[in-house]
Amino acid sequence: MRLELKARTGHPDFLGLPWERPLEEWDVPELEDVPRGISRHVVRFVRPEGQRLYALKELPRRLADREYRLLTALRAEGLPVVSVVGVLSGRTTPGGQELPAVLITEHLPYSLPYRLLFMRAHWAVLHDQLEDALVDLLVRLHLTGFLWGDCSLSNTLFRRDAGTLAAYLVDTETSELHPSLTDGQRAYDLDIAVTNIAGEMSDLAAAGMLSGQDDPFALALGVRDRYAQLWDELTREEVVPADERWRIDERLRRLNELGFDVDEVELIREEDGTVRLRILTQVIEKGHHRRRLRELTGLDVQEEQARRLLNDIAGYKAWVEQEHGRPLTATAAAARWVQEVFEPTVQTIPDEHRGKREPAQLFHEVLEHRWFLGERGQADLDLPTVVADYLEHVLPRVPEERVVVEPGPSSDAGADESDPDPDPDHRDPDGPDPDLDGPDPAG
C-alpha cells in the first residue's frame, strides 16, 4: 500500500493508524466515541499520540479533494467552518482491494450536534436559537458566493455564544463556490434547507423532543422568513431624503448591532436631491464585536460573547473613572479588565471543570449568575462571591462540552445528556435552559 497524505503542517502524520482496513472496522486505542450528525459516509474520531481530536470521513478521492479545497477557501474567508487538516489516499486492503480516501478535519472544541442540544435544553427556546444560528450562517455563506447544496441541522455544529448559539459548517460534499449567487440559486439552497429541517424536526417530534402542539413543517418554514429578513437588512438599497442623512448612519449602526461590519458603501445622488444608499454585499463581514474585542484585549471569542465582554469592559471603565476621578482610554481599561477581572475569574476554575465551558462563555455565565442572584434579593455581591457561588452550585452540574463523549447505557454522562433541562442556576425545572433563553437579562 502506497499511502499519500496531503496535509497542513502542525499536525500528526496519522500514518500509524490501520489504513488498510475500512474505518467502520477500526478498533484501536486512538478511537473516541463522539456524538455527531447523520452522514452518508462513515465518520470516526481519533486522538493520535494523545494529541488533539480529529474527525476522519471516508469518501471517494475526488470528493475528498473537493471538500478539502472548499473548506480551505471558506476558512480563508473567515467563515465559521471546521478546520480541515488533509486528505489521505492510496489505501488498499491486504488483498489489494482499493479503499476510499479519508478527509481529516480537526474536532471543533465545545461543539454539539443539534440532537444533543435538544436533549439538554428546553425545546421552546432552542429551536429559535438553532434556526437563527443556521440562518445567520447560510446568509453569510451566500454573501460569499457559496452554494451549500445540503443545508441542514445535521450538517452543522453549534457552540454556545453568550445566551445564543453559533453555527459552524461541517459538510461541503454537495457545495459549490461562485463569485456570487443568483436569486434562483439562493432560493434553491433555501428550499433544500427548509425540506431538510422539516424532516429533522419531524424526527425530533417522533422522539418526543417537541411539544405535541408544534408543527415540524411550520417550524421549518420559519427559516425562510428569518432568512428573508436578514438578507433584506444586509443587502437592500435605501433611498434617503436630502434632509435625513442621519438615516445612513442609523442603517450602518443597525448592521453593527447584528454583528456585521460594512467596509464600503455606494451613495448615489438623484436629481431630486435624494441619496440612494447601496451596501456592497461583497464587503459585508460578520464579527464586528469580535474584532473590536480582539483589538482591545487579544481575546478571540464568539460574536455574542464579545458583545457581552465589551459591555462589561465599558462598565468596568466607568467604575474606574468614577473611583479615580479621571478618564481612562478604552485600551487601558481593557488591559486592566483582563488583568483584574477576566483572568482572575477564569483561573478560579478547578482543573476537573475546565473542559465544561470556554473561558469567555464561562465568564458570561458568571455575569448571568450575578444577575440571577440579584433577582433573588442578593444584590451588591462582589464578583469573587458570585464566582464562588457559581462554582459551588452551577458548574459541577454542567456536562462536559470541550469533547462530548457518546454516553454508554449506564454512564454518568448519559444521565446528564438524557435530562432535557439540567436546571443550572437552580431555576424552575419546567423553564427553559437559561444559557439558551433569548437575550441576556443582565443586558
Protein backbone atom coordinates (compact mmCIF):
# COMPACT_ATOMS: atom_id res chain seq x y z
CA MET A 1 0.00 0.00 0.00
CA ARG A 2 1.42 3.38 -1.06
CA LEU A 3 -0.24 5.99 1.12
CA GLU A 4 -0.37 9.64 0.09
CA LEU A 5 -1.13 12.27 2.74
CA LYS A 6 -1.80 15.82 1.65
CA ALA A 7 -1.96 17.78 4.88
CA ARG A 8 -1.34 21.12 6.54
CA THR A 9 1.67 21.35 8.82
CA GLY A 10 1.43 21.30 12.59
CA HIS A 11 -0.50 18.04 12.87
CA PRO A 12 0.43 14.36 13.41
CA ASP A 13 1.34 12.31 10.34
CA PHE A 14 -1.50 9.80 11.07
CA LEU A 15 0.49 7.06 9.33
CA GLY A 16 0.46 4.72 12.32
CA LEU A 17 -3.29 4.10 12.02
CA PRO A 18 -4.68 0.94 10.34
CA TRP A 19 -5.45 2.49 6.96
CA GLU A 20 -5.55 -0.93 5.28
CA ARG A 21 -8.95 -1.53 6.94
CA PRO A 22 -12.28 0.30 6.37
CA LEU A 23 -12.99 2.89 9.07
CA GLU A 24 -16.06 1.03 10.30
CA GLU A 25 -13.85 -1.95 11.19
CA TRP A 26 -11.36 0.01 13.27
CA ASP A 27 -10.89 -0.97 16.88
CA VAL A 28 -7.80 0.89 18.07
CA PRO A 29 -6.94 2.78 21.29
CA GLU A 30 -6.90 6.10 19.44
CA LEU A 31 -10.64 5.94 18.72
CA GLU A 32 -13.12 8.06 20.69
CA ASP A 33 -16.91 7.94 20.50
CA VAL A 34 -18.20 11.45 19.87
CA PRO A 35 -21.84 12.37 19.08
CA ARG A 36 -22.28 13.60 15.51
CA GLY A 37 -24.95 14.35 12.96
CA ILE A 38 -26.28 11.99 10.31
CA SER A 39 -23.80 11.35 7.49
CA ARG A 40 -23.96 9.32 4.31
CA HIS A 41 -20.31 8.37 4.85
CA VAL A 42 -18.52 6.60 7.69
CA VAL A 43 -17.06 9.09 10.21
CA ARG A 44 -14.75 8.13 13.10
CA PHE A 45 -12.90 10.24 15.66
CA VAL A 46 -9.30 9.61 16.70
CA ARG A 47 -6.79 11.15 19.07
CA PRO A 48 -3.39 10.07 17.66
CA GLU A 49 -0.47 10.08 20.07
CA GLY A 50 -2.67 11.59 22.78
CA GLN A 51 -2.89 14.89 20.90
CA ARG A 52 -5.88 16.83 19.59
CA LEU A 53 -9.06 15.11 18.47
CA TYR A 54 -9.64 14.64 14.73
CA ALA A 55 -12.58 13.55 12.59
CA LEU A 56 -11.95 11.08 9.77
CA LYS A 57 -14.52 10.83 6.95
CA GLU A 58 -14.27 8.08 4.36
CA LEU A 59 -15.31 9.10 0.82
CA PRO A 60 -14.09 8.90 -2.80
CA ARG A 61 -10.83 10.70 -3.56
CA ARG A 62 -12.45 13.21 -5.92
CA LEU A 63 -14.98 14.27 -3.29
CA ALA A 64 -12.37 14.36 -0.52
CA ASP A 65 -10.08 16.65 -2.56
CA ARG A 66 -13.02 18.88 -3.47
CA GLU A 67 -14.19 19.19 0.12
CA TYR A 68 -10.63 19.94 1.23
CA ARG A 69 -10.43 22.82 -1.27
CA LEU A 70 -13.83 24.24 -0.33
CA LEU A 71 -13.24 24.13 3.44
CA THR A 72 -9.81 25.71 2.95
CA ALA A 73 -11.30 28.52 0.85
CA LEU A 74 -14.11 29.21 3.32
CA ARG A 75 -11.68 29.19 6.25
CA ALA A 76 -9.52 31.74 4.41
CA GLU A 77 -12.61 33.98 4.11
CA GLY A 78 -13.05 33.88 7.89
CA LEU A 79 -16.28 31.90 7.75
CA PRO A 80 -17.23 29.56 10.62
CA VAL A 81 -16.26 26.13 9.28
CA VAL A 82 -14.37 23.20 10.74
CA SER A 83 -10.61 23.34 10.26
CA VAL A 84 -9.55 20.95 7.51
CA VAL A 85 -6.24 19.12 8.03
CA GLY A 86 -5.69 16.95 4.97
CA VAL A 87 -6.65 14.10 2.66
CA LEU A 88 -5.19 10.62 2.87
CA SER A 89 -5.44 8.44 -0.25
CA GLY A 90 -3.85 5.36 -1.81
CA ARG A 91 -5.44 2.97 0.68
CA THR A 92 -5.77 -0.73 -0.16
CA THR A 93 -6.64 -3.82 1.84
CA PRO A 94 -4.01 -6.58 2.31
CA GLY A 95 -5.74 -8.37 -0.57
CA GLY A 96 -5.26 -5.39 -2.89
CA GLN A 97 -8.82 -4.01 -2.82
CA GLU A 98 -8.95 -0.24 -3.13
CA LEU A 99 -10.40 1.71 -0.20
CA PRO A 100 -11.87 5.24 -0.26
CA ALA A 101 -9.83 8.30 0.63
CA VAL A 102 -10.20 9.90 4.05
CA LEU A 103 -10.80 13.59 4.74
CA ILE A 104 -9.23 14.69 8.03
CA THR A 105 -10.58 17.66 9.99
CA GLU A 106 -9.98 18.95 13.49
CA HIS A 107 -12.71 18.33 16.01
CA LEU A 108 -14.36 21.64 16.90
CA PRO A 109 -13.98 22.07 20.69
CA TYR A 110 -17.13 22.81 22.70
CA SER A 111 -19.34 21.99 19.72
CA LEU A 112 -22.55 19.99 19.88
CA PRO A 113 -24.83 18.36 17.28
CA TYR A 114 -28.40 19.60 17.32
CA ARG A 115 -29.94 16.40 18.72
CA LEU A 116 -27.72 16.53 21.80
CA LEU A 117 -28.69 20.15 22.34
CA PHE A 118 -32.36 19.16 22.30
CA MET A 119 -31.59 16.58 24.99
CA ARG A 120 -30.11 19.29 27.22
CA ALA A 121 -32.28 22.35 26.70
CA HIS A 122 -35.95 23.26 26.58
CA TRP A 123 -37.35 22.95 23.05
CA ALA A 124 -39.39 26.17 23.27
CA VAL A 125 -36.35 28.45 23.01
CA LEU A 126 -33.90 26.04 21.45
CA HIS A 127 -35.47 25.75 18.02
CA ASP A 128 -35.45 29.55 17.71
CA GLN A 129 -31.77 29.66 18.70
CA LEU A 130 -30.88 26.89 16.26
CA GLU A 131 -32.75 28.44 13.35
CA ASP A 132 -31.31 31.91 14.00
CA ALA A 133 -27.79 30.50 14.06
CA LEU A 134 -28.34 28.41 10.93
CA VAL A 135 -29.88 31.32 9.02
CA ASP A 136 -27.02 33.58 10.03
CA LEU A 137 -24.54 31.01 8.70
CA LEU A 138 -26.49 30.45 5.46
CA VAL A 139 -26.73 34.18 4.73
CA ARG A 140 -23.01 34.66 5.34
CA LEU A 141 -22.21 31.77 3.01
CA HIS A 142 -24.49 33.18 0.31
CA LEU A 143 -22.89 36.62 0.58
CA THR A 144 -19.58 34.89 -0.15
CA GLY A 145 -20.98 33.12 -3.23
CA PHE A 146 -21.13 29.73 -1.55
CA LEU A 147 -23.97 27.38 -2.55
CA TRP A 148 -24.31 24.86 0.28
CA GLY A 149 -26.45 22.34 -1.58
CA ASP A 150 -27.40 20.38 1.55
CA CYS A 151 -28.08 22.87 4.33
CA SER A 152 -29.43 21.08 7.40
CA LEU A 153 -29.08 20.91 11.15
CA SER A 154 -27.26 17.59 10.74
CA ASN A 155 -24.54 19.21 8.62
CA THR A 156 -23.94 21.88 11.22
CA LEU A 157 -22.28 22.02 14.62
CA PHE A 158 -23.32 24.52 17.30
CA ARG A 159 -21.36 26.27 20.02
CA ARG A 160 -22.73 28.28 22.92
CA ASP A 161 -22.37 32.01 22.44
CA ALA A 162 -23.45 34.05 25.48
CA GLY A 163 -27.12 33.09 25.55
CA THR A 164 -27.30 32.29 21.84
CA LEU A 165 -25.76 29.71 19.53
CA ALA A 166 -23.11 30.00 16.81
CA ALA A 167 -23.33 27.65 13.82
CA TYR A 168 -20.36 26.02 12.05
CA LEU A 169 -20.38 24.32 8.65
CA VAL A 170 -19.02 20.76 8.71
CA ASP A 171 -20.05 19.23 5.37
CA THR A 172 -19.47 20.56 1.84
CA GLU A 173 -19.92 17.40 -0.25
CA THR A 174 -22.62 18.93 -2.45
CA SER A 175 -21.41 22.54 -2.32
CA GLU A 176 -20.18 24.99 -4.96
CA LEU A 177 -18.23 28.24 -4.69
CA HIS A 178 -19.07 31.04 -7.15
CA PRO A 179 -18.11 34.73 -7.45
CA SER A 180 -21.72 35.47 -6.43
CA LEU A 181 -25.08 33.70 -6.31
CA THR A 182 -28.20 34.46 -8.32
CA ASP A 183 -31.58 34.85 -6.63
CA GLY A 184 -32.53 31.48 -8.12
CA GLN A 185 -29.50 29.74 -6.61
CA ARG A 186 -30.24 31.23 -3.20
CA ALA A 187 -33.90 30.17 -3.43
CA TYR A 188 -32.84 26.65 -4.39
CA ASP A 189 -30.49 26.42 -1.41
CA LEU A 190 -33.19 27.75 0.90
CA ASP A 191 -35.74 25.21 -0.40
CA ILE A 192 -33.31 22.41 0.42
CA ALA A 193 -32.75 23.84 3.89
CA VAL A 194 -36.49 24.02 4.64
CA THR A 195 -37.06 20.46 3.39
CA ASN A 196 -34.16 19.06 5.42
CA ILE A 197 -35.11 20.92 8.60
CA ALA A 198 -38.74 19.80 8.28
CA GLY A 199 -37.52 16.20 8.23
CA GLU A 200 -35.22 16.75 11.18
CA MET A 201 -37.95 18.47 13.20
CA SER A 202 -40.29 15.57 12.38
CA ASP A 203 -37.70 13.15 13.75
CA LEU A 204 -37.47 15.22 16.93
CA ALA A 205 -41.26 15.24 17.24
CA ALA A 206 -41.38 11.46 16.82
CA ALA A 207 -38.77 11.15 19.58
CA GLY A 208 -40.89 13.29 21.92
CA MET A 209 -38.46 16.23 21.92
CA LEU A 210 -41.01 18.77 20.62
CA SER A 211 -44.31 19.89 22.01
CA GLY A 212 -47.25 17.94 20.61
CA GLN A 213 -48.78 21.26 19.56
CA ASP A 214 -45.92 22.22 17.28
CA ASP A 215 -45.96 21.51 13.56
CA PRO A 216 -42.45 20.49 12.38
CA PHE A 217 -43.20 21.86 8.89
CA ALA A 218 -44.29 25.23 10.26
CA LEU A 219 -41.11 25.41 12.31
CA ALA A 220 -39.04 24.67 9.22
CA LEU A 221 -40.86 27.32 7.18
CA GLY A 222 -39.81 29.83 9.83
CA VAL A 223 -36.29 29.52 8.44
CA ARG A 224 -37.46 31.07 5.16
CA ASP A 225 -38.90 34.13 6.93
CA ARG A 226 -35.81 34.62 9.09
CA TYR A 227 -33.56 34.33 6.05
CA ALA A 228 -35.59 36.87 4.07
CA GLN A 229 -35.49 39.39 6.93
CA LEU A 230 -31.74 39.12 7.45
CA TRP A 231 -30.91 39.13 3.74
CA ASP A 232 -33.07 42.22 3.21
CA GLU A 233 -31.47 44.05 6.12
CA LEU A 234 -27.98 43.33 4.82
CA THR A 235 -28.45 43.97 1.12
CA ARG A 236 -31.39 46.25 0.34
CA GLU A 237 -30.91 49.62 -1.30
CA GLU A 238 -32.37 52.52 0.61
CA VAL A 239 -33.45 55.96 -0.62
CA VAL A 240 -32.55 58.66 1.88
CA PRO A 241 -34.13 62.16 1.63
CA ALA A 242 -31.63 65.01 1.44
CA ASP A 243 -32.60 66.27 4.90
CA GLU A 244 -32.39 62.82 6.56
CA ARG A 245 -28.75 61.86 6.02
CA TRP A 246 -28.70 60.59 9.60
CA ARG A 247 -30.55 57.52 8.34
CA ILE A 248 -27.36 56.35 6.61
CA ASP A 249 -25.51 56.22 9.93
CA GLU A 250 -28.55 54.62 11.57
CA ARG A 251 -28.59 51.84 8.97
CA LEU A 252 -24.88 51.15 9.44
CA ARG A 253 -25.26 51.12 13.24
CA ARG A 254 -28.12 48.63 12.87
CA LEU A 255 -25.86 46.35 10.85
CA ASN A 256 -23.19 46.67 13.55
CA GLU A 257 -25.77 45.64 16.13
CA LEU A 258 -26.39 42.50 14.07
CA GLY A 259 -22.66 41.85 14.29
CA PHE A 260 -21.76 42.90 10.72
CA ASP A 261 -19.18 45.40 9.53
CA VAL A 262 -19.57 47.23 6.22
CA ASP A 263 -16.29 48.49 4.83
CA GLU A 264 -17.71 50.17 1.73
CA VAL A 265 -20.99 51.74 0.64
CA GLU A 266 -22.08 53.47 -2.55
CA LEU A 267 -24.02 56.74 -2.33
CA ILE A 268 -25.81 57.85 -5.50
CA ARG A 269 -27.25 61.39 -5.62
CA GLU A 270 -30.51 61.57 -7.54
CA GLU A 271 -31.74 64.64 -9.47
CA ASP A 272 -34.33 65.42 -6.78
CA GLY A 273 -31.60 65.67 -4.14
CA THR A 274 -32.29 62.31 -2.51
CA VAL A 275 -29.44 59.90 -1.89
CA ARG A 276 -29.65 56.21 -2.73
CA LEU A 277 -27.63 54.07 -0.31
CA ARG A 278 -26.27 50.84 -1.75
CA ILE A 279 -24.39 48.47 0.50
CA LEU A 280 -21.81 46.41 -1.37
CA THR A 281 -22.60 42.90 -0.20
CA GLN A 282 -19.18 41.52 -1.02
CA VAL A 283 -17.62 43.64 1.75
CA ILE A 284 -20.13 42.82 4.48
CA GLU A 285 -18.28 40.88 7.15
CA LYS A 286 -19.57 39.24 10.32
CA GLY A 287 -17.64 39.72 13.53
CA HIS A 288 -17.94 43.42 14.43
CA HIS A 289 -17.76 42.93 18.20
CA ARG A 290 -15.36 40.01 17.95
CA ARG A 291 -12.80 42.10 16.06
CA ARG A 292 -13.17 45.02 18.46
CA LEU A 293 -12.59 42.81 21.49
CA ARG A 294 -9.57 41.20 19.84
CA GLU A 295 -8.10 44.66 19.15
CA LEU A 296 -8.55 45.71 22.78
CA THR A 297 -7.65 42.52 24.65
CA GLY A 298 -6.23 39.90 22.28
CA LEU A 299 -9.10 37.57 23.24
CA ASP A 300 -10.63 35.63 20.31
CA VAL A 301 -14.18 34.60 21.19
CA GLN A 302 -17.63 34.20 19.61
CA GLU A 303 -19.54 37.27 18.43
CA GLU A 304 -22.16 37.45 21.21
CA GLN A 305 -19.57 36.58 23.83
CA ALA A 306 -17.52 39.51 22.55
CA ARG A 307 -20.53 41.82 22.77
CA ARG A 308 -21.11 40.78 26.38
CA LEU A 309 -17.45 41.15 27.35
CA LEU A 310 -17.25 44.58 25.70
CA ASN A 311 -20.27 45.67 27.76
CA ASP A 312 -18.55 44.50 30.92
CA ILE A 313 -15.36 46.35 29.95
CA ALA A 314 -17.43 49.51 29.41
CA GLY A 315 -18.99 49.15 32.85
CA TYR A 316 -15.59 48.49 34.42
CA LYS A 317 -14.13 51.56 32.66
CA ALA A 318 -16.92 53.78 34.01
CA TRP A 319 -16.38 52.42 37.53
CA VAL A 320 -12.61 53.02 37.44
CA GLU A 321 -13.09 56.55 36.12
CA GLN A 322 -15.56 57.31 38.90
CA GLU A 323 -13.28 55.86 41.55
CA HIS A 324 -10.19 57.77 40.43
CA GLY A 325 -11.84 60.91 39.07
CA ARG A 326 -10.04 60.91 35.73
CA PRO A 327 -10.74 59.50 32.26
CA LEU A 328 -9.29 56.21 31.09
CA THR A 329 -8.65 55.21 27.49
CA ALA A 330 -10.50 52.18 26.12
CA THR A 331 -7.22 50.33 25.59
CA ALA A 332 -6.01 50.96 29.14
CA ALA A 333 -9.39 49.99 30.60
CA ALA A 334 -9.45 46.76 28.59
CA ALA A 335 -5.93 45.83 29.70
CA ARG A 336 -6.83 46.39 33.35
CA TRP A 337 -10.09 44.47 32.95
CA VAL A 338 -8.27 41.44 31.56
CA GLN A 339 -5.72 41.51 34.38
CA GLU A 340 -8.02 42.38 37.28
CA VAL A 341 -11.39 40.86 36.30
CA PHE A 342 -11.35 38.32 33.47
CA GLU A 343 -8.18 36.34 34.19
CA PRO A 344 -8.75 36.03 37.97
CA THR A 345 -12.27 34.74 37.30
CA VAL A 346 -11.17 32.13 34.77
CA GLN A 347 -8.22 31.00 36.90
CA THR A 348 -10.50 30.10 39.81
CA ILE A 349 -11.99 27.20 37.83
CA PRO A 350 -10.84 23.83 39.22
CA ASP A 351 -8.97 21.62 36.77
CA GLU A 352 -11.72 18.99 36.77
CA HIS A 353 -14.23 21.53 35.41
CA ARG A 354 -12.09 23.34 32.81
CA GLY A 355 -13.48 21.33 29.90
CA LYS A 356 -17.08 22.30 30.55
CA ARG A 357 -17.10 25.82 29.12
CA GLU A 358 -14.85 28.06 27.06
CA PRO A 359 -13.39 30.87 29.22
CA ALA A 360 -15.49 33.59 27.56
CA GLN A 361 -18.68 31.52 27.86
CA LEU A 362 -17.91 30.76 31.48
CA PHE A 363 -17.38 34.46 32.24
CA HIS A 364 -20.71 35.26 30.58
CA GLU A 365 -22.44 32.66 32.74
CA VAL A 366 -20.85 34.10 35.87
CA LEU A 367 -22.26 37.53 34.94
CA GLU A 368 -25.64 35.97 34.28
CA HIS A 369 -25.44 34.22 37.65
CA ARG A 370 -24.75 37.57 39.31
CA TRP A 371 -27.94 38.91 37.75
CA PHE A 372 -29.84 35.82 38.93
CA LEU A 373 -28.61 36.20 42.50
CA GLY A 374 -29.62 39.86 42.38
CA GLU A 375 -33.12 38.84 41.31
CA ARG A 376 -33.28 36.63 44.40
CA GLY A 377 -32.56 39.63 46.60
CA GLN A 378 -28.81 39.13 46.98
CA ALA A 379 -27.88 42.48 45.44
CA ASP A 380 -24.48 44.20 45.51
CA LEU A 381 -22.50 40.96 45.62
CA ASP A 382 -18.89 41.36 44.58
CA LEU A 383 -17.58 39.26 41.72
CA PRO A 384 -15.48 36.83 43.85
CA THR A 385 -18.57 35.98 45.91
CA VAL A 386 -20.61 35.39 42.75
CA VAL A 387 -17.86 33.21 41.29
CA ALA A 388 -17.70 31.11 44.44
CA ASP A 389 -21.47 30.56 44.39
CA TYR A 390 -21.37 29.67 40.69
CA LEU A 391 -18.56 27.16 41.27
CA GLU A 392 -20.43 25.56 44.16
CA HIS A 393 -23.98 25.40 42.80
CA VAL A 394 -23.87 25.58 38.99
CA LEU A 395 -20.68 24.45 37.30
CA PRO A 396 -20.46 20.98 38.94
CA ARG A 397 -23.84 20.12 37.39
CA VAL A 398 -22.88 21.29 33.89
CA PRO A 399 -21.94 18.45 31.50
CA GLU A 400 -18.55 18.29 29.80
CA GLU A 401 -18.54 20.03 26.41
CA ARG A 402 -14.95 20.53 25.24
CA VAL A 403 -15.15 17.00 23.86
CA VAL A 404 -18.52 15.32 24.32
CA VAL A 405 -18.16 11.55 24.53
CA GLU A 406 -21.01 9.33 23.36
CA PRO A 407 -22.53 8.07 26.63
CA GLY A 408 -22.85 4.37 27.36
CA PRO A 409 -26.13 2.90 28.62
CA SER A 410 -25.09 3.18 32.26
CA SER A 411 -22.61 6.07 32.22
CA ASP A 412 -22.89 9.17 34.35
CA ALA A 413 -22.69 11.27 31.22
CA GLY A 414 -25.79 9.59 29.97
CA ALA A 415 -27.73 10.94 32.93
CA ASP A 416 -26.70 14.48 32.04
CA GLU A 417 -27.43 14.11 28.36
CA SER A 418 -30.81 12.48 28.74
CA ASP A 419 -32.05 15.24 31.06
CA PRO A 420 -33.87 17.75 28.85
CA ASP A 421 -33.33 20.53 31.38
CA PRO A 422 -30.39 20.20 33.81
CA ASP A 423 -31.71 23.28 35.67
CA PRO A 424 -28.45 25.19 36.12
CA ASP A 425 -28.63 28.16 38.48
CA HIS A 426 -31.42 26.37 40.43
CA ARG A 427 -34.09 27.75 38.10
CA ASP A 428 -37.60 26.45 37.60
CA PRO A 429 -37.24 22.85 36.42
CA ASP A 430 -40.08 23.41 33.95
CA GLY A 431 -38.45 26.52 32.46
CA PRO A 432 -36.01 26.88 29.56
CA ASP A 433 -32.26 26.39 29.68
CA PRO A 434 -31.02 29.81 30.91
CA ASP A 435 -27.95 29.59 28.72
CA LEU A 436 -30.13 29.48 25.60
CA ASP A 437 -33.02 31.64 26.79
CA GLY A 438 -33.03 34.54 24.38
CA PRO A 439 -31.44 37.93 25.10
CA ASP A 440 -29.26 38.17 28.16
CA PRO A 441 -31.38 39.53 31.03
CA ALA A 442 -28.41 41.36 32.53
CA GLY A 443 -28.10 43.50 29.44
